[in-house]
Amino acid sequence: MFVCPYMSRSNLFYRNPELISYVRVLHASPNAPAVDIYVNNDPTFRNISYRKFSQYIPLEGGGLYNIKVFPAGTTVNPIIDQNLFIREGTIYTVAAIGEPSNISLLTVEDSPLRPISPGKASVRFVHLSPDAPNVDITLPNGNKLFSNIGYKGITQYIPVAGGTYTIQARPTGTTNVVLTVPNIRVQPNKFYTIYAVGYASKTPGLQALIPLDGNSYLQLYRPSQY
């Protein structure tokens, strides 16, 4: 389930290009209903269901943004009402996480903007399973990609060769496999995040969501006006 800068004119007319930020949302709260999300009281994302990502949207400039999350189709009694600071010229995934009775937002910055190792794919891991223990993310032979990642943990990207992989999640320090994800295809010079969602001990069970991150393709500069 795997799921352009343009500047070169005379200095006489030069203006700094406007930096744009981008945000997408991920519904990662198991058993929570589909949601509508309002940004500064504007309806921005509609009917986002569990395990789904929105498209990225541009935000003009940085600063504090008020985020309200409602059960889809409603506009009263938000289940989340939270202010987030968005840095200018930055790409984010904002995840709704936790138990439905204690849902909150986690901000994941989708950076850097250049490959950390040219010619390699860049991969990281985010732990969003509210009842799962700390985990190691490994290859089937036991080689560790990420170690001892707890709930809400966000790793740095690591470089890997382009290709097809199987990964496993194991409670930290054990060989017990709690999740196997086969056939993960990654391409050179692209960024991917492995999001672990769901429950370790009940339904819906553990799953991995592996989107292409926006730092693979989004442009952060609006062309200058002359």
Protein backbone atom coordinates (compact mmCIF):
# COMPACT_ATOMS: atom_id res chain seq x y z
CA MET A 1 0.00 0.00 0.00
CA PHE A 2 2.27 2.45 -1.32
CA VAL A 3 0.38 4.00 -1.81
CA CYS A 4 10.88 25.77 -10.57
CA PRO A 5 12.88 28.42 -9.56
CA TYR A 6 12.80 31.00 -12.35
CA MET A 7 15.20 33.89 -11.88
CA SER A 8 17.74 35.63 -14.03
CA ARG A 9 17.09 39.24 -14.79
CA SER A 10 18.90 42.52 -14.39
CA ASN A 11 19.81 43.39 -10.80
CA LEU A 12 18.07 46.70 -11.38
CA PHE A 13 14.73 44.91 -11.35
CA TYR A 14 15.63 42.08 -8.99
CA ARG A 15 13.26 41.21 -6.16
CA ASN A 16 13.59 38.37 -3.72
CA PRO A 17 11.33 35.51 -4.77
CA GLU A 18 8.51 34.75 -2.38
CA LEU A 19 8.99 31.59 -0.39
CA ILE A 20 6.05 29.20 -0.27
CA SER A 21 5.35 26.58 2.36
CA TYR A 22 3.44 23.36 1.66
CA VAL A 23 1.34 21.23 3.97
CA ARG A 24 -0.45 17.92 3.55
CA VAL A 25 -2.36 16.00 6.21
CA LEU A 26 -2.38 12.33 7.18
CA HIS A 27 -5.23 10.72 9.12
CA ALA A 28 -3.39 8.28 11.38
CA SER A 29 -5.83 8.00 14.30
CA PRO A 30 -7.22 4.43 14.19
CA ASN A 31 -10.98 4.16 14.73
CA ALA A 32 -11.46 7.92 14.42
CA PRO A 33 -14.03 9.03 11.84
CA ALA A 34 -13.24 10.72 8.55
CA VAL A 35 -12.49 14.38 9.13
CA ASP A 36 -12.72 17.84 7.61
CA ILE A 37 -9.85 20.18 8.39
CA TYR A 38 -10.05 23.96 8.55
CA VAL A 39 -6.97 26.16 8.29
CA ASN A 40 -7.51 29.61 9.80
CA ASN A 41 -11.25 28.87 9.65
CA ASP A 42 -11.20 28.10 5.93
CA PRO A 43 -12.38 24.60 4.87
CA THR A 44 -9.17 23.22 3.37
CA PHE A 45 -9.26 19.40 3.48
CA ARG A 46 -12.51 17.43 3.16
CA ASN A 47 -13.45 13.90 4.18
CA ILE A 48 -9.97 12.59 4.97
CA SER A 49 -10.39 9.03 6.24
CA TYR A 50 -8.05 6.84 8.25
CA ARG A 51 -4.75 6.00 6.48
CA LYS A 52 -5.32 8.64 3.80
CA PHE A 53 -3.08 11.54 2.84
CA SER A 54 -4.32 14.78 1.36
CA GLN A 55 -2.54 16.52 -1.47
CA TYR A 56 -0.03 19.18 -0.51
CA ILE A 57 -1.42 22.70 -0.48
CA PRO A 58 0.63 25.92 -0.65
CA LEU A 59 0.60 28.40 2.23
CA GLU A 60 1.64 31.99 1.65
CA GLY A 61 4.43 32.71 4.10
CA GLY A 62 5.15 31.35 7.53
CA GLY A 63 3.71 32.00 10.98
CA LEU A 64 1.04 30.59 13.24
CA TYR A 65 -1.86 28.77 11.61
CA ASN A 66 -4.96 27.64 13.47
CA ILE A 67 -5.98 24.08 12.62
CA LYS A 68 -9.45 22.81 13.47
CA VAL A 69 -10.43 19.20 12.84
CA PHE A 70 -14.10 18.20 12.71
CA PRO A 71 -15.84 14.90 12.06
CA ALA A 72 -16.58 15.03 8.33
CA GLY A 73 -19.70 17.00 7.50
CA THR A 74 -19.83 18.90 10.79
CA THR A 75 -18.70 22.39 11.79
CA VAL A 76 -19.20 22.47 15.57
CA ASN A 77 -17.24 20.97 18.46
CA PRO A 78 -13.88 20.37 16.76
CA ILE A 79 -12.02 17.29 17.93
CA ILE A 80 -8.77 19.24 17.49
CA ASP A 81 -8.26 23.00 17.81
CA GLN A 82 -4.53 23.62 17.70
CA ASN A 83 -2.13 26.33 16.52
CA LEU A 84 0.86 25.22 14.46
CA PHE A 85 3.91 27.28 13.57
CA ILE A 86 4.76 26.92 9.88
CA ARG A 87 8.19 28.08 8.79
CA GLU A 88 8.39 29.95 5.53
CA GLY A 89 9.74 27.87 2.67
CA THR A 90 9.21 24.52 4.40
CA ILE A 91 7.27 21.36 3.52
CA TYR A 92 5.25 19.54 6.18
CA THR A 93 3.12 16.48 6.72
CA VAL A 94 0.71 17.12 9.61
CA ALA A 95 -0.60 13.86 11.07
CA ALA A 96 -3.71 13.43 13.20
CA ILE A 97 -2.61 10.76 15.67
CA GLY A 98 -3.57 8.94 18.85
CA GLU A 99 -6.70 7.38 20.27
CA PRO A 100 -9.97 8.98 19.09
CA SER A 101 -10.55 10.18 22.66
CA ASN A 102 -7.14 11.87 22.77
CA ILE A 103 -6.44 12.85 19.18
CA SER A 104 -3.75 15.44 18.44
CA LEU A 105 -1.55 16.75 15.64
CA LEU A 106 2.07 15.81 14.99
CA THR A 107 4.09 17.95 12.60
CA VAL A 108 6.61 16.12 10.41
CA GLU A 109 8.97 18.32 8.43
CA ASP A 110 9.63 16.95 4.95
CA SER A 111 13.23 18.08 4.50
CA PRO A 112 16.01 18.31 3.29
CA LEU A 113 15.28 19.50 -0.22
CA ARG A 114 18.26 17.86 -1.91
CA PRO A 115 19.26 14.19 -1.97
CA ILE A 116 21.40 13.41 1.06
CA SER A 117 23.44 11.11 -1.18
CA PRO A 118 23.08 11.81 -4.93
CA GLY A 119 22.00 8.75 -6.86
CA LYS A 120 20.45 7.13 -3.77
CA ALA A 121 16.89 7.12 -2.44
CA SER A 122 16.31 8.73 0.97
CA VAL A 123 14.14 6.83 3.47
CA ARG A 124 13.05 7.50 7.06
CA PHE A 125 10.61 6.08 9.61
CA VAL A 126 7.83 7.64 11.71
CA HIS A 127 6.20 5.64 14.55
CA LEU A 128 2.49 6.50 14.81
CA SER A 129 1.09 3.34 16.47
CA PRO A 130 -0.26 4.45 19.87
CA ASP A 131 0.06 1.07 21.59
CA ALA A 132 3.14 -0.38 19.90
CA PRO A 133 6.44 -0.60 21.80
CA ASN A 134 9.68 0.94 20.67
CA VAL A 135 10.77 -0.81 17.50
CA ASP A 136 13.76 -1.55 15.33
CA ILE A 137 13.19 -1.35 11.58
CA THR A 138 15.23 -4.05 9.86
CA LEU A 139 15.78 -5.96 6.68
CA PRO A 140 14.74 -9.65 6.74
CA ASN A 141 18.33 -10.65 7.53
CA GLY A 142 18.18 -8.59 10.71
CA ASN A 143 20.29 -5.67 9.54
CA LYS A 144 18.93 -2.54 11.21
CA LEU A 145 17.88 0.53 9.31
CA PHE A 146 16.52 2.38 12.38
CA SER A 147 16.90 1.48 16.05
CA ASN A 148 14.75 1.96 19.14
CA ILE A 149 12.09 4.26 17.68
CA GLY A 150 9.25 5.04 20.08
CA TYR A 151 5.75 6.40 19.56
CA LYS A 152 5.86 9.79 17.78
CA GLY A 153 9.50 9.15 16.90
CA ILE A 154 10.73 10.64 13.62
CA THR A 155 14.08 9.45 12.27
CA GLN A 156 16.45 11.24 9.94
CA TYR A 157 16.50 10.16 6.32
CA ILE A 158 19.11 7.58 5.40
CA PRO A 159 20.42 6.85 1.88
CA VAL A 160 19.61 3.51 0.25
CA ALA A 161 20.15 2.22 -3.26
CA GLY A 162 17.16 2.39 -5.56
CA GLY A 163 15.32 -0.92 -5.82
CA THR A 164 12.74 -3.15 -4.14
CA TYR A 165 12.90 -3.96 -0.43
CA THR A 166 11.18 -5.91 2.31
CA ILE A 167 11.32 -4.35 5.76
CA GLN A 168 10.31 -5.63 9.17
CA ALA A 169 9.39 -4.01 12.47
CA ARG A 170 10.64 -5.76 15.61
CA PRO A 171 10.23 -4.74 19.26
CA THR A 172 13.54 -3.16 20.15
CA GLY A 173 16.23 -5.67 21.03
CA THR A 174 14.23 -8.73 19.95
CA THR A 175 13.96 -10.91 16.86
CA ASN A 176 10.15 -11.06 17.06
CA VAL A 177 8.65 -9.64 13.87
CA VAL A 178 5.42 -7.67 14.41
CA LEU A 179 5.12 -6.26 10.89
CA THR A 180 6.51 -7.27 7.50
CA VAL A 181 6.18 -4.94 4.52
CA PRO A 182 7.23 -6.49 1.19
CA ASN A 183 7.79 -5.00 -2.26
CA ILE A 184 8.72 -1.46 -1.27
CA ARG A 185 9.99 0.20 -4.43
CA VAL A 186 12.15 3.30 -4.08
CA GLN A 187 13.73 5.42 -6.79
CA PRO A 188 17.05 7.27 -6.74
CA ASN A 189 16.96 10.94 -5.72
CA LYS A 190 13.50 10.60 -4.18
CA PHE A 191 12.40 10.90 -0.54
CA TYR A 192 10.12 8.40 1.21
CA THR A 193 8.73 8.09 4.73
CA ILE A 194 7.59 4.80 6.26
CA TYR A 195 4.67 5.62 8.57
CA ALA A 196 3.65 2.84 10.98
CA VAL A 197 -0.04 3.22 11.85
CA GLY A 198 -2.70 1.13 13.57
CA TYR A 199 -2.61 -0.94 16.74
CA ALA A 200 -0.19 -3.62 17.83
CA SER A 201 -2.76 -5.35 20.06
CA LYS A 202 -6.17 -4.81 18.43
CA THR A 203 -7.86 -3.77 15.22
CA PRO A 204 -7.10 -2.06 12.97
CA GLY A 205 -3.73 -3.75 13.06
CA LEU A 206 -0.29 -2.43 12.28
CA GLN A 207 0.27 -1.27 8.72
CA ALA A 208 2.84 0.78 6.85
CA LEU A 209 2.07 3.76 4.64
CA ILE A 210 4.90 4.79 2.34
CA PRO A 211 4.19 7.96 0.36
CA LEU A 212 6.53 9.90 -1.88
CA ASP A 213 7.44 12.99 0.13
CA GLY A 214 6.98 16.48 -1.25
CA ASN A 215 10.66 17.34 -0.98
CA SER A 216 11.04 15.01 -3.98
CA TYR A 217 9.23 17.37 -6.34
CA LEU A 218 7.80 20.59 -4.85
CA GLN A 219 9.25 24.01 -5.65
CA LEU A 220 9.44 26.51 -2.78
CA TYR A 221 9.98 29.74 -4.71
CA ARG A 222 7.27 31.72 -6.41
CA PRO A 223 8.63 33.46 -9.53
CA SER A 224 9.49 37.12 -8.94
CA GLN A 225 7.20 39.78 -10.35
CA TYR A 226 8.79 42.44 -12.50
